[in-house]
Amino acid sequence: MLVIGTDFVVSPSPGLIAWTILLVLVLVAGAVTAAKGRWGWVLIGLLTGGLVWPVTAFLAPAPGSLWLRRFNGPAPS
């Protein structure tokens, strides 16, 4: 018998969808933390499975970071 599709392919469980959304949100928060130049927090997030990234994504960007250059424009001279 040839199996073309399974229940998982046809209808994933709500738990799988929730975990996928949570994983994407944590990874986006990690990318924001890295773009803000908070490398110490990125390292701590890697060690804790990204638990601190949703909080640290709201910190102010470090001077000279990619985030600061992108969203605040050039530094005044």
Protein backbone atom coordinates (compact mmCIF):
# COMPACT_ATOMS: atom_id res chain seq x y z
CA MET A 1 0.00 0.00 0.00
CA LEU A 2 1.34 3.42 -0.97
CA VAL A 3 0.87 6.18 1.60
CA ILE A 4 0.54 9.54 -0.11
CA GLY A 5 -0.29 11.70 2.90
CA THR A 6 -0.55 11.32 6.62
CA ASP A 7 -2.60 13.06 9.29
CA PHE A 8 0.40 15.25 10.08
CA VAL A 9 0.63 16.51 6.52
CA VAL A 10 -3.12 17.05 6.20
CA SER A 11 -3.75 18.70 9.56
CA PRO A 12 -0.90 19.51 11.96
CA SER A 13 -1.84 19.64 15.62
CA PRO A 14 -2.46 23.02 17.27
CA GLY A 15 0.45 22.33 19.63
CA LEU A 16 2.88 22.03 16.73
CA ILE A 17 1.65 25.30 15.27
CA ALA A 18 2.02 27.06 18.65
CA TRP A 19 5.58 25.74 19.16
CA THR A 20 6.54 26.78 15.63
CA ILE A 21 5.24 30.32 16.17
CA LEU A 22 7.03 30.53 19.53
CA LEU A 23 10.30 29.35 17.98
CA VAL A 24 10.07 31.91 15.18
CA LEU A 25 9.34 34.73 17.64
CA VAL A 26 12.31 33.80 19.84
CA LEU A 27 14.63 33.63 16.83
CA VAL A 28 13.43 37.03 15.58
CA ALA A 29 14.04 38.48 19.06
CA GLY A 30 17.55 36.99 18.95
CA ALA A 31 18.19 38.62 15.59
CA VAL A 32 16.99 41.97 16.92
CA THR A 33 19.24 41.62 19.96
CA ALA A 34 22.21 40.87 17.70
CA ALA A 35 21.39 43.81 15.39
CA LYS A 36 21.32 46.08 18.43
CA GLY A 37 24.89 45.01 19.18
CA ARG A 38 24.10 43.35 22.52
CA TRP A 39 26.54 40.47 22.00
CA GLY A 40 26.75 39.54 25.67
CA TRP A 41 22.98 39.01 25.72
CA VAL A 42 23.18 37.03 22.47
CA LEU A 43 25.68 34.69 24.12
CA ILE A 44 23.56 34.35 27.27
CA GLY A 45 20.55 33.66 25.04
CA LEU A 46 22.45 30.92 23.24
CA LEU A 47 23.32 29.33 26.57
CA THR A 48 19.72 29.54 27.89
CA GLY A 49 17.92 28.51 24.73
CA GLY A 50 16.88 32.05 23.82
CA LEU A 51 14.88 32.69 26.97
CA VAL A 52 16.31 36.20 27.47
CA TRP A 53 15.99 37.40 23.88
CA PRO A 54 12.34 38.53 24.01
CA VAL A 55 13.27 40.81 26.92
CA THR A 56 16.61 42.04 25.58
CA ALA A 57 15.10 42.90 22.20
CA PHE A 58 13.53 45.90 23.96
CA LEU A 59 16.87 47.26 25.26
CA ALA A 60 18.39 50.37 23.72
CA PRO A 61 20.87 49.69 20.92
CA ALA A 62 24.59 49.86 21.59
CA PRO A 63 26.52 52.80 20.12
CA GLY A 64 27.56 52.10 16.53
CA SER A 65 25.29 49.07 16.16
CA LEU A 66 23.55 48.11 12.95
CA TRP A 67 20.17 48.88 14.51
CA LEU A 68 21.23 52.39 15.51
CA ARG A 69 22.70 53.17 12.09
CA ARG A 70 19.66 51.79 10.26
CA PHE A 71 16.85 53.39 12.25
CA ASN A 72 18.42 56.59 13.62
CA GLY A 73 20.33 57.74 10.55
CA PRO A 74 23.87 59.07 10.51
CA ALA A 75 25.46 60.29 13.72
CA PRO A 76 25.57 64.07 14.09
CA SER A 77 29.02 65.54 13.58
